[in-house]
PDB file of all heavy atoms in Angstrom:
ATOM      1  N   GLN A   1      -1.119  16.110  -6.140  1.00  0.00           N
ATOM      2  CA  GLN A   1      -1.403  17.222  -7.034  1.00  0.00           C
ATOM      3  C   GLN A   1      -0.120  17.870  -7.552  1.00  0.00           C
ATOM      4  O   GLN A   1       0.965  17.619  -7.037  1.00  0.00           O
ATOM      5  CB  GLN A   1      -2.260  18.260  -6.329  1.00  0.00           C
ATOM      6  CG  GLN A   1      -1.591  18.944  -5.163  1.00  0.00           C
ATOM      7  CD  GLN A   1      -2.514  19.957  -4.517  1.00  0.00           C
ATOM      8  OE1 GLN A   1      -3.618  20.216  -4.965  1.00  0.00           O
ATOM      9  NE2 GLN A   1      -2.063  20.557  -3.436  1.00  0.00           N
ATOM     10  N   PRO A   2      -0.242  18.723  -8.578  1.00  0.00           N
ATOM     11  CA  PRO A   2       0.921  19.472  -9.055  1.00  0.00           C
ATOM     12  C   PRO A   2       1.267  20.598  -8.090  1.00  0.00           C
ATOM     13  O   PRO A   2       0.750  20.648  -6.970  1.00  0.00           O
ATOM     14  CB  PRO A   2       0.466  20.012 -10.418  1.00  0.00           C
ATOM     15  CG  PRO A   2      -0.844  19.369 -10.707  1.00  0.00           C
ATOM     16  CD  PRO A   2      -1.427  18.956  -9.396  1.00  0.00           C
ATOM     17  N   LEU A   3       2.111  21.520  -8.540  1.00  0.00           N
ATOM     18  CA  LEU A   3       2.494  22.677  -7.740  1.00  0.00           C
ATOM     19  C   LEU A   3       2.162  23.957  -8.499  1.00  0.00           C
ATOM     20  O   LEU A   3       2.053  23.964  -9.726  1.00  0.00           O
ATOM     21  CB  LEU A   3       3.994  22.652  -7.438  1.00  0.00           C
ATOM     22  CG  LEU A   3       4.495  21.573  -6.479  1.00  0.00           C
ATOM     23  CD1 LEU A   3       6.022  21.528  -6.485  1.00  0.00           C
ATOM     24  CD2 LEU A   3       3.981  21.825  -5.060  1.00  0.00           C
ATOM     25  N   GLY A   4       2.008  25.041  -7.745  1.00  0.00           N
ATOM     26  CA  GLY A   4       1.808  26.340  -8.362  1.00  0.00           C
ATOM     27  C   GLY A   4       0.479  26.457  -9.080  1.00  0.00           C
ATOM     28  O   GLY A   4      -0.548  25.913  -8.645  1.00  0.00           O
ATOM     29  N   ILE A   5       0.498  27.119 -10.223  1.00  0.00           N
ATOM     30  CA  ILE A   5      -0.742  27.383 -10.955  1.00  0.00           C
ATOM     31  C   ILE A   5      -1.378  26.098 -11.457  1.00  0.00           C
ATOM     32  O   ILE A   5      -2.595  26.006 -11.598  1.00  0.00           O
ATOM     33  CB  ILE A   5      -0.472  28.359 -12.127  1.00  0.00           C
ATOM     34  CG1 ILE A   5      -1.804  28.910 -12.655  1.00  0.00           C
ATOM     35  CG2 ILE A   5       0.350  27.699 -13.227  1.00  0.00           C
ATOM     36  CD1 ILE A   5      -1.647  30.059 -13.627  1.00  0.00           C
ATOM     37  N   GLU A   6      -0.561  25.056 -11.701  1.00  0.00           N
ATOM     38  CA  GLU A   6      -1.125  23.789 -12.162  1.00  0.00           C
ATOM     39  C   GLU A   6      -1.993  23.153 -11.078  1.00  0.00           C
ATOM     40  O   GLU A   6      -2.988  22.488 -11.389  1.00  0.00           O
ATOM     41  CB  GLU A   6      -0.007  22.840 -12.591  1.00  0.00           C
ATOM     42  CG  GLU A   6       0.689  23.283 -13.867  1.00  0.00           C
ATOM     43  CD  GLU A   6       1.782  22.344 -14.314  1.00  0.00           C
ATOM     44  OE1 GLU A   6       2.403  21.691 -13.433  1.00  0.00           O
ATOM     45  OE2 GLU A   6       2.027  22.258 -15.521  1.00  0.00           O
ATOM     46  N   ALA A   7      -1.629  23.341  -9.815  1.00  0.00           N
ATOM     47  CA  ALA A   7      -2.438  22.817  -8.710  1.00  0.00           C
ATOM     48  C   ALA A   7      -3.803  23.507  -8.685  1.00  0.00           C
ATOM     49  O   ALA A   7      -4.833  22.871  -8.420  1.00  0.00           O
ATOM     50  CB  ALA A   7      -1.720  23.025  -7.382  1.00  0.00           C
ATOM     51  N   ILE A   8      -3.814  24.807  -8.970  1.00  0.00           N
ATOM     52  CA  ILE A   8      -5.072  25.544  -9.024  1.00  0.00           C
ATOM     53  C   ILE A   8      -5.927  25.045 -10.183  1.00  0.00           C
ATOM     54  O   ILE A   8      -7.144  24.868 -10.055  1.00  0.00           O
ATOM     55  CB  ILE A   8      -4.793  27.056  -9.166  1.00  0.00           C
ATOM     56  CG1 ILE A   8      -4.013  27.566  -7.942  1.00  0.00           C
ATOM     57  CG2 ILE A   8      -6.091  27.840  -9.334  1.00  0.00           C
ATOM     58  CD1 ILE A   8      -3.497  28.990  -8.097  1.00  0.00           C
ATOM     59  N   CYS A   9      -5.272  24.772 -11.306  1.00  0.00           N
ATOM     60  CA  CYS A   9      -6.006  24.347 -12.505  1.00  0.00           C
ATOM     61  C   CYS A   9      -6.673  22.979 -12.334  1.00  0.00           C
ATOM     62  O   CYS A   9      -7.720  22.723 -12.922  1.00  0.00           O
ATOM     63  CB  CYS A   9      -5.061  24.316 -13.704  1.00  0.00           C
ATOM     64  SG  CYS A   9      -4.511  25.946 -14.259  1.00  0.00           S
ATOM     65  N   VAL A  10      -6.068  22.088 -11.561  1.00  0.00           N
ATOM     66  CA  VAL A  10      -6.616  20.731 -11.441  1.00  0.00           C
ATOM     67  C   VAL A  10      -7.463  20.549 -10.185  1.00  0.00           C
ATOM     68  O   VAL A  10      -7.979  19.457  -9.948  1.00  0.00           O
ATOM     69  CB  VAL A  10      -5.502  19.653 -11.455  1.00  0.00           C
ATOM     70  CG1 VAL A  10      -4.632  19.789 -12.684  1.00  0.00           C
ATOM     71  CG2 VAL A  10      -4.671  19.692 -10.181  1.00  0.00           C
ATOM     72  N   TYR A  11      -7.621  21.599  -9.384  1.00  0.00           N
ATOM     73  CA  TYR A  11      -8.323  21.440  -8.109  1.00  0.00           C
ATOM     74  C   TYR A  11      -9.706  20.826  -8.290  1.00  0.00           C
ATOM     75  O   TYR A  11     -10.051  19.836  -7.639  1.00  0.00           O
ATOM     76  CB  TYR A  11      -8.445  22.789  -7.390  1.00  0.00           C
ATOM     77  CG  TYR A  11      -9.241  22.696  -6.107  1.00  0.00           C
ATOM     78  CD1 TYR A  11      -8.617  22.309  -4.914  1.00  0.00           C
ATOM     79  CD2 TYR A  11     -10.608  22.956  -6.081  1.00  0.00           C
ATOM     80  CE1 TYR A  11      -9.348  22.195  -3.736  1.00  0.00           C
ATOM     81  CE2 TYR A  11     -11.340  22.845  -4.906  1.00  0.00           C
ATOM     82  CZ  TYR A  11     -10.708  22.464  -3.743  1.00  0.00           C
ATOM     83  OH  TYR A  11     -11.432  22.342  -2.580  1.00  0.00           O
ATOM     84  N   PHE A  12     -10.521  21.401  -9.180  1.00  0.00           N
ATOM     85  CA  PHE A  12     -11.883  20.899  -9.356  1.00  0.00           C
ATOM     86  C   PHE A  12     -11.862  19.487  -9.940  1.00  0.00           C
ATOM     87  O   PHE A  12     -12.649  18.627  -9.540  1.00  0.00           O
ATOM     88  CB  PHE A  12     -12.682  21.829 -10.266  1.00  0.00           C
ATOM     89  CG  PHE A  12     -14.081  21.343 -10.534  1.00  0.00           C
ATOM     90  CD1 PHE A  12     -15.059  21.425  -9.557  1.00  0.00           C
ATOM     91  CD2 PHE A  12     -14.408  20.777 -11.755  1.00  0.00           C
ATOM     92  CE1 PHE A  12     -16.350  20.957  -9.797  1.00  0.00           C
ATOM     93  CE2 PHE A  12     -15.691  20.312 -12.010  1.00  0.00           C
ATOM     94  CZ  PHE A  12     -16.659  20.400 -11.025  1.00  0.00           C
ATOM     95  N   SER A  13     -10.959  19.246 -10.896  1.00  0.00           N
ATOM     96  CA  SER A  13     -10.863  17.913 -11.508  1.00  0.00           C
ATOM     97  C   SER A  13     -10.504  16.860 -10.472  1.00  0.00           C
ATOM     98  O   SER A  13     -11.033  15.743 -10.490  1.00  0.00           O
ATOM     99  CB  SER A  13      -9.821  17.926 -12.628  1.00  0.00           C
ATOM    100  OG  SER A  13     -10.202  18.805 -13.661  1.00  0.00           O
ATOM    101  N   TYR A  14      -9.592  17.192  -9.570  1.00  0.00           N
ATOM    102  CA  TYR A  14      -9.195  16.239  -8.525  1.00  0.00           C
ATOM    103  C   TYR A  14     -10.353  15.961  -7.579  1.00  0.00           C
ATOM    104  O   TYR A  14     -10.556  14.822  -7.158  1.00  0.00           O
ATOM    105  CB  TYR A  14      -7.988  16.787  -7.755  1.00  0.00           C
ATOM    106  CG  TYR A  14      -6.671  16.171  -8.153  1.00  0.00           C
ATOM    107  CD1 TYR A  14      -6.495  15.610  -9.408  1.00  0.00           C
ATOM    108  CD2 TYR A  14      -5.584  16.140  -7.277  1.00  0.00           C
ATOM    109  CE1 TYR A  14      -5.293  15.050  -9.785  1.00  0.00           C
ATOM    110  CE2 TYR A  14      -4.384  15.579  -7.643  1.00  0.00           C
ATOM    111  CZ  TYR A  14      -4.238  15.042  -8.898  1.00  0.00           C
ATOM    112  OH  TYR A  14      -3.040  14.480  -9.266  1.00  0.00           O
ATOM    113  N   ARG A  15     -11.094  16.987  -7.239  1.00  0.00           N
ATOM    114  CA  ARG A  15     -12.237  16.783  -6.344  1.00  0.00           C
ATOM    115  C   ARG A  15     -13.281  15.895  -7.006  1.00  0.00           C
ATOM    116  O   ARG A  15     -13.809  14.959  -6.383  1.00  0.00           O
ATOM    117  CB  ARG A  15     -12.859  18.125  -5.959  1.00  0.00           C
ATOM    118  CG  ARG A  15     -13.870  18.014  -4.811  1.00  0.00           C
ATOM    119  CD  ARG A  15     -14.517  19.332  -4.497  1.00  0.00           C
ATOM    120  NE  ARG A  15     -15.524  19.675  -5.509  1.00  0.00           N
ATOM    121  CZ  ARG A  15     -16.195  20.831  -5.526  1.00  0.00           C
ATOM    122  NH1 ARG A  15     -15.928  21.757  -4.631  1.00  0.00           N
ATOM    123  NH2 ARG A  15     -17.103  21.070  -6.449  1.00  0.00           N
ATOM    124  N   LEU A  16     -13.555  16.163  -8.272  1.00  0.00           N
ATOM    125  CA  LEU A  16     -14.514  15.364  -9.023  1.00  0.00           C
ATOM    126  C   LEU A  16     -14.018  13.925  -9.176  1.00  0.00           C
ATOM    127  O   LEU A  16     -14.780  12.967  -9.007  1.00  0.00           O
ATOM    128  CB  LEU A  16     -14.751  15.992 -10.394  1.00  0.00           C
ATOM    129  CG  LEU A  16     -15.844  15.363 -11.263  1.00  0.00           C
ATOM    130  CD1 LEU A  16     -17.197  15.466 -10.570  1.00  0.00           C
ATOM    131  CD2 LEU A  16     -15.887  16.034 -12.630  1.00  0.00           C
ATOM    132  N   LEU A  17     -12.725  13.769  -9.481  1.00  0.00           N
ATOM    133  CA  LEU A  17     -12.142  12.439  -9.613  1.00  0.00           C
ATOM    134  C   LEU A  17     -12.251  11.671  -8.303  1.00  0.00           C
ATOM    135  O   LEU A  17     -12.610  10.487  -8.285  1.00  0.00           O
ATOM    136  CB  LEU A  17     -10.681  12.548 -10.037  1.00  0.00           C
ATOM    137  CG  LEU A  17      -9.894  11.247 -10.131  1.00  0.00           C
ATOM    138  CD1 LEU A  17     -10.490  10.313 -11.171  1.00  0.00           C
ATOM    139  CD2 LEU A  17      -8.421  11.533 -10.455  1.00  0.00           C
ATOM    140  N   ALA A  18     -11.950  12.329  -7.191  1.00  0.00           N
ATOM    141  CA  ALA A  18     -12.029  11.673  -5.885  1.00  0.00           C
ATOM    142  C   ALA A  18     -13.451  11.201  -5.596  1.00  0.00           C
ATOM    143  O   ALA A  18     -13.664  10.090  -5.098  1.00  0.00           O
ATOM    144  CB  ALA A  18     -11.554  12.635  -4.793  1.00  0.00           C
ATOM    145  N   GLU A  19     -14.430  12.047  -5.906  1.00  0.00           N
ATOM    146  CA  GLU A  19     -15.826  11.677  -5.660  1.00  0.00           C
ATOM    147  C   GLU A  19     -16.239  10.484  -6.527  1.00  0.00           C
ATOM    148  O   GLU A  19     -16.948   9.582  -6.069  1.00  0.00           O
ATOM    149  CB  GLU A  19     -16.726  12.880  -5.926  1.00  0.00           C
ATOM    150  CG  GLU A  19     -16.548  14.005  -4.902  1.00  0.00           C
ATOM    151  CD  GLU A  19     -17.273  15.282  -5.298  1.00  0.00           C
ATOM    152  OE1 GLU A  19     -17.792  15.342  -6.445  1.00  0.00           O
ATOM    153  OE2 GLU A  19     -17.317  16.215  -4.477  1.00  0.00           O
ATOM    154  N   ARG A  20     -15.797  10.472  -7.776  1.00  0.00           N
ATOM    155  CA  ARG A  20     -16.169   9.378  -8.677  1.00  0.00           C
ATOM    156  C   ARG A  20     -15.488   8.072  -8.266  1.00  0.00           C
ATOM    157  O   ARG A  20     -16.090   7.000  -8.336  1.00  0.00           O
ATOM    158  CB  ARG A  20     -15.810   9.743 -10.111  1.00  0.00           C
ATOM    159  CG  ARG A  20     -16.711  10.837 -10.676  1.00  0.00           C
ATOM    160  CD  ARG A  20     -16.469  11.073 -12.151  1.00  0.00           C
ATOM    161  NE  ARG A  20     -17.424  12.025 -12.692  1.00  0.00           N
ATOM    162  CZ  ARG A  20     -17.448  12.416 -13.957  1.00  0.00           C
ATOM    163  NH1 ARG A  20     -16.571  11.923 -14.812  1.00  0.00           N
ATOM    164  NH2 ARG A  20     -18.355  13.274 -14.371  1.00  0.00           N
ATOM    165  N   LEU A  21     -14.225   8.147  -7.862  1.00  0.00           N
ATOM    166  CA  LEU A  21     -13.529   6.943  -7.414  1.00  0.00           C
ATOM    167  C   LEU A  21     -14.156   6.402  -6.133  1.00  0.00           C
ATOM    168  O   LEU A  21     -14.268   5.185  -5.950  1.00  0.00           O
ATOM    169  CB  LEU A  21     -12.042   7.237  -7.198  1.00  0.00           C
ATOM    170  CG  LEU A  21     -11.216   7.501  -8.463  1.00  0.00           C
ATOM    171  CD1 LEU A  21      -9.790   7.907  -8.095  1.00  0.00           C
ATOM    172  CD2 LEU A  21     -11.210   6.287  -9.375  1.00  0.00           C
ATOM    173  N   ALA A  22     -14.566   7.308  -5.243  1.00  0.00           N
ATOM    174  CA  ALA A  22     -15.255   6.870  -4.026  1.00  0.00           C
ATOM    175  C   ALA A  22     -16.561   6.170  -4.385  1.00  0.00           C
ATOM    176  O   ALA A  22     -16.954   5.187  -3.750  1.00  0.00           O
ATOM    177  CB  ALA A  22     -15.518   8.063  -3.106  1.00  0.00           C
ATOM    178  N   GLY A  23     -17.227   6.659  -5.428  1.00  0.00           N
ATOM    179  CA  GLY A  23     -18.453   6.020  -5.884  1.00  0.00           C
ATOM    180  C   GLY A  23     -18.230   4.631  -6.440  1.00  0.00           C
ATOM    181  O   GLY A  23     -19.160   3.828  -6.519  1.00  0.00           O
ATOM    182  N   LEU A  24     -16.977   4.342  -6.805  1.00  0.00           N
ATOM    183  CA  LEU A  24     -16.622   3.018  -7.319  1.00  0.00           C
ATOM    184  C   LEU A  24     -16.081   2.096  -6.219  1.00  0.00           C
ATOM    185  O   LEU A  24     -15.576   1.012  -6.515  1.00  0.00           O
ATOM    186  CB  LEU A  24     -15.591   3.149  -8.438  1.00  0.00           C
ATOM    187  CG  LEU A  24     -16.074   3.864  -9.709  1.00  0.00           C
ATOM    188  CD1 LEU A  24     -14.904   4.101 -10.654  1.00  0.00           C
ATOM    189  CD2 LEU A  24     -17.155   3.045 -10.392  1.00  0.00           C
ATOM    190  N   GLY A  25     -16.151   2.560  -4.974  1.00  0.00           N
ATOM    191  CA  GLY A  25     -15.738   1.716  -3.859  1.00  0.00           C
ATOM    192  C   GLY A  25     -14.323   1.920  -3.370  1.00  0.00           C
ATOM    193  O   GLY A  25     -13.767   1.069  -2.675  1.00  0.00           O
ATOM    194  N   LEU A  26     -13.728   3.059  -3.691  1.00  0.00           N
ATOM    195  CA  LEU A  26     -12.354   3.329  -3.266  1.00  0.00           C
ATOM    196  C   LEU A  26     -12.316   4.441  -2.223  1.00  0.00           C
ATOM    197  O   LEU A  26     -13.078   5.401  -2.303  1.00  0.00           O
ATOM    198  CB  LEU A  26     -11.491   3.728  -4.459  1.00  0.00           C
ATOM    199  CG  LEU A  26     -11.334   2.672  -5.555  1.00  0.00           C
ATOM    200  CD1 LEU A  26     -10.644   3.273  -6.772  1.00  0.00           C
ATOM    201  CD2 LEU A  26     -10.553   1.470  -5.036  1.00  0.00           C
ATOM    202  N   ALA A  27     -11.427   4.293  -1.266  1.00  0.00           N
ATOM    203  CA  ALA A  27     -11.147   5.384  -0.330  1.00  0.00           C
ATOM    204  C   ALA A  27     -10.096   6.264  -0.991  1.00  0.00           C
ATOM    205  O   ALA A  27      -9.053   5.776  -1.421  1.00  0.00           O
ATOM    206  CB  ALA A  27     -10.629   4.833   0.990  1.00  0.00           C
ATOM    207  N   VAL A  28     -10.352   7.560  -1.082  1.00  0.00           N
ATOM    208  CA  VAL A  28      -9.472   8.454  -1.832  1.00  0.00           C
ATOM    209  C   VAL A  28      -9.024   9.604  -0.931  1.00  0.00           C
ATOM    210  O   VAL A  28      -9.842  10.257  -0.282  1.00  0.00           O
ATOM    211  CB  VAL A  28     -10.183   9.026  -3.072  1.00  0.00           C
ATOM    212  CG1 VAL A  28      -9.221   9.870  -3.892  1.00  0.00           C
ATOM    213  CG2 VAL A  28     -10.772   7.902  -3.916  1.00  0.00           C
ATOM    214  N   LEU A  29      -7.717   9.834  -0.925  1.00  0.00           N
ATOM    215  CA  LEU A  29      -7.155  10.916  -0.115  1.00  0.00           C
ATOM    216  C   LEU A  29      -6.487  11.930  -1.041  1.00  0.00           C
ATOM    217  O   LEU A  29      -5.589  11.594  -1.797  1.00  0.00           O
ATOM    218  CB  LEU A  29      -6.123  10.372   0.878  1.00  0.00           C
ATOM    219  CG  LEU A  29      -5.500  11.400   1.818  1.00  0.00           C
ATOM    220  CD1 LEU A  29      -6.557  12.010   2.728  1.00  0.00           C
ATOM    221  CD2 LEU A  29      -4.403  10.755   2.669  1.00  0.00           C
ATOM    222  N   ARG A  30      -6.999  13.160  -1.003  1.00  0.00           N
ATOM    223  CA  ARG A  30      -6.323  14.259  -1.699  1.00  0.00           C
ATOM    224  C   ARG A  30      -5.859  15.244  -0.629  1.00  0.00           C
ATOM    225  O   ARG A  30      -6.509  15.424   0.403  1.00  0.00           O
ATOM    226  CB  ARG A  30      -7.230  14.925  -2.739  1.00  0.00           C
ATOM    227  CG  ARG A  30      -8.540  15.459  -2.219  1.00  0.00           C
ATOM    228  CD  ARG A  30      -9.463  15.888  -3.364  1.00  0.00           C
ATOM    229  NE  ARG A  30     -10.732  16.393  -2.847  1.00  0.00           N
ATOM    230  CZ  ARG A  30     -11.005  17.676  -2.639  1.00  0.00           C
ATOM    231  NH1 ARG A  30     -10.091  18.599  -2.925  1.00  0.00           N
ATOM    232  NH2 ARG A  30     -12.169  18.049  -2.160  1.00  0.00           N
ATOM    233  N   PHE A  31      -4.740  15.890  -0.868  1.00  0.00           N
ATOM    234  CA  PHE A  31      -4.116  16.662   0.214  1.00  0.00           C
ATOM    235  C   PHE A  31      -3.271  17.792  -0.358  1.00  0.00           C
ATOM    236  O   PHE A  31      -2.931  17.807  -1.545  1.00  0.00           O
ATOM    237  CB  PHE A  31      -3.235  15.735   1.065  1.00  0.00           C
ATOM    238  CG  PHE A  31      -2.048  15.189   0.321  1.00  0.00           C
ATOM    239  CD1 PHE A  31      -0.802  15.775   0.437  1.00  0.00           C
ATOM    240  CD2 PHE A  31      -2.189  14.092  -0.525  1.00  0.00           C
ATOM    241  CE1 PHE A  31       0.277  15.293  -0.279  1.00  0.00           C
ATOM    242  CE2 PHE A  31      -1.106  13.593  -1.242  1.00  0.00           C
ATOM    243  CZ  PHE A  31       0.130  14.192  -1.120  1.00  0.00           C
ATOM    244  N   ASP A  32      -2.937  18.732   0.516  1.00  0.00           N
ATOM    245  CA  ASP A  32      -2.022  19.825   0.171  1.00  0.00           C
ATOM    246  C   ASP A  32      -0.653  19.518   0.764  1.00  0.00           C
ATOM    247  O   ASP A  32      -0.547  19.139   1.937  1.00  0.00           O
ATOM    248  CB  ASP A  32      -2.524  21.160   0.734  1.00  0.00           C
ATOM    249  CG  ASP A  32      -3.797  21.646   0.049  1.00  0.00           C
ATOM    250  OD1 ASP A  32      -3.982  21.300  -1.138  1.00  0.00           O
ATOM    251  OD2 ASP A  32      -4.584  22.354   0.696  1.00  0.00           O
ATOM    252  N   TYR A  33       0.386  19.685  -0.024  1.00  0.00           N
ATOM    253  CA  TYR A  33       1.738  19.503   0.489  1.00  0.00           C
ATOM    254  C   TYR A  33       2.028  20.529   1.578  1.00  0.00           C
ATOM    255  O   TYR A  33       1.432  21.610   1.611  1.00  0.00           O
ATOM    256  CB  TYR A  33       2.771  19.676  -0.632  1.00  0.00           C
ATOM    257  CG  TYR A  33       2.568  18.791  -1.828  1.00  0.00           C
ATOM    258  CD1 TYR A  33       2.203  19.327  -3.060  1.00  0.00           C
ATOM    259  CD2 TYR A  33       2.737  17.419  -1.735  1.00  0.00           C
ATOM    260  CE1 TYR A  33       2.015  18.521  -4.164  1.00  0.00           C
ATOM    261  CE2 TYR A  33       2.545  16.597  -2.841  1.00  0.00           C
ATOM    262  CZ  TYR A  33       2.181  17.153  -4.054  1.00  0.00           C
ATOM    263  OH  TYR A  33       1.992  16.348  -5.144  1.00  0.00           O
ATOM    264  N   ASP A  34       2.954  20.192   2.444  1.00  0.00           N
ATOM    265  CA  ASP A  34       3.399  21.113   3.477  1.00  0.00           C
ATOM    266  C   ASP A  34       3.748  22.474   2.853  1.00  0.00           C
ATOM    267  O   ASP A  34       4.455  22.548   1.850  1.00  0.00           O
ATOM    268  CB  ASP A  34       4.643  20.528   4.163  1.00  0.00           C
ATOM    269  CG  ASP A  34       5.114  21.355   5.340  1.00  0.00           C
ATOM    270  OD1 ASP A  34       5.623  22.470   5.111  1.00  0.00           O
ATOM    271  OD2 ASP A  34       4.983  20.891   6.479  1.00  0.00           O
ATOM    272  N   GLY A  35       3.213  23.540   3.438  1.00  0.00           N
ATOM    273  CA  GLY A  35       3.521  24.879   2.960  1.00  0.00           C
ATOM    274  C   GLY A  35       2.737  25.312   1.743  1.00  0.00           C
ATOM    275  O   GLY A  35       2.996  26.386   1.178  1.00  0.00           O
ATOM    276  N   THR A  36       1.766  24.498   1.311  1.00  0.00           N
ATOM    277  CA  THR A  36       0.927  24.874   0.164  1.00  0.00           C
ATOM    278  C   THR A  36      -0.537  24.748   0.556  1.00  0.00           C
ATOM    279  O   THR A  36      -0.882  24.021   1.495  1.00  0.00           O
ATOM    280  CB  THR A  36       1.190  23.979  -1.062  1.00  0.00           C
ATOM    281  OG1 THR A  36       0.675  22.655  -0.819  1.00  0.00           O
ATOM    282  CG2 THR A  36       2.671  23.895  -1.371  1.00  0.00           C
ATOM    283  N   GLY A  37      -1.407  25.429  -0.184  1.00  0.00           N
ATOM    284  CA  GLY A  37      -2.845  25.308   0.053  1.00  0.00           C
ATOM    285  C   GLY A  37      -3.226  25.577   1.493  1.00  0.00           C
ATOM    286  O   GLY A  37      -2.826  26.580   2.093  1.00  0.00           O
ATOM    287  N   ASP A  38      -3.981  24.647   2.082  1.00  0.00           N
ATOM    288  CA  ASP A  38      -4.460  24.794   3.459  1.00  0.00           C
ATOM    289  C   ASP A  38      -3.555  24.123   4.486  1.00  0.00           C
ATOM    290  O   ASP A  38      -3.883  24.091   5.673  1.00  0.00           O
ATOM    291  CB  ASP A  38      -5.874  24.220   3.579  1.00  0.00           C
ATOM    292  CG  ASP A  38      -6.895  25.061   2.834  1.00  0.00           C
ATOM    293  OD1 ASP A  38      -6.831  26.305   2.960  1.00  0.00           O
ATOM    294  OD2 ASP A  38      -7.751  24.495   2.139  1.00  0.00           O
ATOM    295  N   SER A  39      -2.437  23.556   4.040  1.00  0.00           N
ATOM    296  CA  SER A  39      -1.492  22.945   4.987  1.00  0.00           C
ATOM    297  C   SER A  39      -0.647  24.029   5.652  1.00  0.00           C
ATOM    298  O   SER A  39      -0.445  25.114   5.093  1.00  0.00           O
ATOM    299  CB  SER A  39      -0.575  21.949   4.270  1.00  0.00           C
ATOM    300  OG  SER A  39      -1.282  20.775   3.929  1.00  0.00           O
ATOM    301  N   SER A  40      -0.143  23.729   6.838  1.00  0.00           N
ATOM    302  CA  SER A  40       0.690  24.686   7.554  1.00  0.00           C
ATOM    303  C   SER A  40       2.053  24.814   6.879  1.00  0.00           C
ATOM    304  O   SER A  40       2.435  23.984   6.059  1.00  0.00           O
ATOM    305  CB  SER A  40       0.871  24.246   9.004  1.00  0.00           C
ATOM    306  OG  SER A  40       1.507  22.971   9.053  1.00  0.00           O
ATOM    307  N   GLY A  41       2.782  25.853   7.248  1.00  0.00           N
ATOM    308  CA  GLY A  41       4.088  26.096   6.663  1.00  0.00           C
ATOM    309  C   GLY A  41       4.006  27.093   5.527  1.00  0.00           C
ATOM    310  O   GLY A  41       2.920  27.568   5.161  1.00  0.00           O
ATOM    311  N   ARG A  42       5.181  27.414   4.970  1.00  0.00           N
ATOM    312  CA  ARG A  42       5.263  28.371   3.867  1.00  0.00           C
ATOM    313  C   ARG A  42       6.105  27.789   2.755  1.00  0.00           C
ATOM    314  O   ARG A  42       7.004  26.982   2.993  1.00  0.00           O
ATOM    315  CB  ARG A  42       5.880  29.687   4.357  1.00  0.00           C
ATOM    316  CG  ARG A  42       5.075  30.407   5.413  1.00  0.00           C
ATOM    317  CD  ARG A  42       5.808  31.649   5.894  1.00  0.00           C
ATOM    318  NE  ARG A  42       7.092  31.289   6.498  1.00  0.00           N
ATOM    319  CZ  ARG A  42       7.998  32.173   6.923  1.00  0.00           C
ATOM    320  NH1 ARG A  42       7.755  33.469   6.773  1.00  0.00           N
ATOM    321  NH2 ARG A  42       9.124  31.777   7.472  1.00  0.00           N
ATOM    322  N   GLU A  43       5.836  28.223   1.527  1.00  0.00           N
ATOM    323  CA  GLU A  43       6.590  27.712   0.390  1.00  0.00           C
ATOM    324  C   GLU A  43       8.054  28.153   0.423  1.00  0.00           C
ATOM    325  O   GLU A  43       8.901  27.571  -0.250  1.00  0.00           O
ATOM    326  CB  GLU A  43       5.953  28.184  -0.912  1.00  0.00           C
ATOM    327  CG  GLU A  43       5.947  29.685  -1.088  1.00  0.00           C
ATOM    328  CD  GLU A  43       5.094  30.154  -2.247  1.00  0.00           C
ATOM    329  OE1 GLU A  43       4.047  29.544  -2.499  1.00  0.00           O
ATOM    330  OE2 GLU A  43       5.479  31.136  -2.903  1.00  0.00           O
ATOM    331  N   THR A  44       8.358  29.181   1.215  1.00  0.00           N
ATOM    332  CA  THR A  44       9.721  29.684   1.310  1.00  0.00           C
ATOM    333  C   THR A  44      10.497  29.043   2.463  1.00  0.00           C
ATOM    334  O   THR A  44      11.653  29.391   2.688  1.00  0.00           O
ATOM    335  CB  THR A  44       9.726  31.215   1.479  1.00  0.00           C
ATOM    336  OG1 THR A  44       8.901  31.568   2.603  1.00  0.00           O
ATOM    337  CG2 THR A  44       9.187  31.895   0.230  1.00  0.00           C
ATOM    338  N   ASP A  45       9.872  28.129   3.212  1.00  0.00           N
ATOM    339  CA  ASP A  45      10.588  27.429   4.273  1.00  0.00           C
ATOM    340  C   ASP A  45      11.688  26.562   3.670  1.00  0.00           C
ATOM    341  O   ASP A  45      11.619  26.191   2.490  1.00  0.00           O
ATOM    342  CB  ASP A  45       9.615  26.547   5.074  1.00  0.00           C
ATOM    343  CG  ASP A  45       8.684  27.348   5.958  1.00  0.00           C
ATOM    344  OD1 ASP A  45       9.002  28.522   6.230  1.00  0.00           O
ATOM    345  OD2 ASP A  45       7.640  26.812   6.360  1.00  0.00           O
ATOM    346  N   PRO A  46      12.701  26.194   4.468  1.00  0.00           N
ATOM    347  CA  PRO A  46      13.781  25.350   3.931  1.00  0.00           C
ATOM    348  C   PRO A  46      13.332  23.906   3.722  1.00  0.00           C
ATOM    349  O   PRO A  46      12.276  23.492   4.211  1.00  0.00           O
ATOM    350  CB  PRO A  46      14.858  25.439   5.019  1.00  0.00           C
ATOM    351  CG  PRO A  46      14.091  25.723   6.276  1.00  0.00           C
ATOM    352  CD  PRO A  46      12.950  26.606   5.853  1.00  0.00           C
ATOM    353  N   ASP A  47      14.152  23.171   2.974  1.00  0.00           N
ATOM    354  CA  ASP A  47      13.948  21.732   2.754  1.00  0.00           C
ATOM    355  C   ASP A  47      12.587  21.423   2.140  1.00  0.00           C
ATOM    356  O   ASP A  47      11.925  20.463   2.519  1.00  0.00           O
ATOM    357  CB  ASP A  47      14.101  20.953   4.075  1.00  0.00           C
ATOM    358  CG  ASP A  47      15.448  21.179   4.725  1.00  0.00           C
ATOM    359  OD1 ASP A  47      16.457  21.195   4.002  1.00  0.00           O
ATOM    360  OD2 ASP A  47      15.483  21.350   5.954  1.00  0.00           O
ATOM    361  N   ARG A  48      12.173  22.232   1.165  1.00  0.00           N
ATOM    362  CA  ARG A  48      10.845  22.053   0.584  1.00  0.00           C
ATOM    363  C   ARG A  48      10.674  20.696  -0.085  1.00  0.00           C
ATOM    364  O   ARG A  48       9.652  20.040   0.097  1.00  0.00           O
ATOM    365  CB  ARG A  48      10.555  23.161  -0.437  1.00  0.00           C
ATOM    366  CG  ARG A  48      10.297  24.517   0.159  1.00  0.00           C
ATOM    367  CD  ARG A  48       9.055  24.542   1.026  1.00  0.00           C
ATOM    368  NE  ARG A  48       9.346  24.078   2.384  1.00  0.00           N
ATOM    369  CZ  ARG A  48       8.436  23.702   3.251  1.00  0.00           C
ATOM    370  NH1 ARG A  48       7.169  23.695   2.914  1.00  0.00           N
ATOM    371  NH2 ARG A  48       8.773  23.302   4.452  1.00  0.00           N
TER     372      ARG A  48
END
């Protein structure tokens, strides 16, 4: 996914895309980068 507000903008599209690709026989992994979304850490941590 993108970062910042762009990640928020594509959230629903990514979920829909993942569901449709799974319907076509693909295993699909969508995730939050370290320190973003529901992943642990903070965006202000070092070595982002």
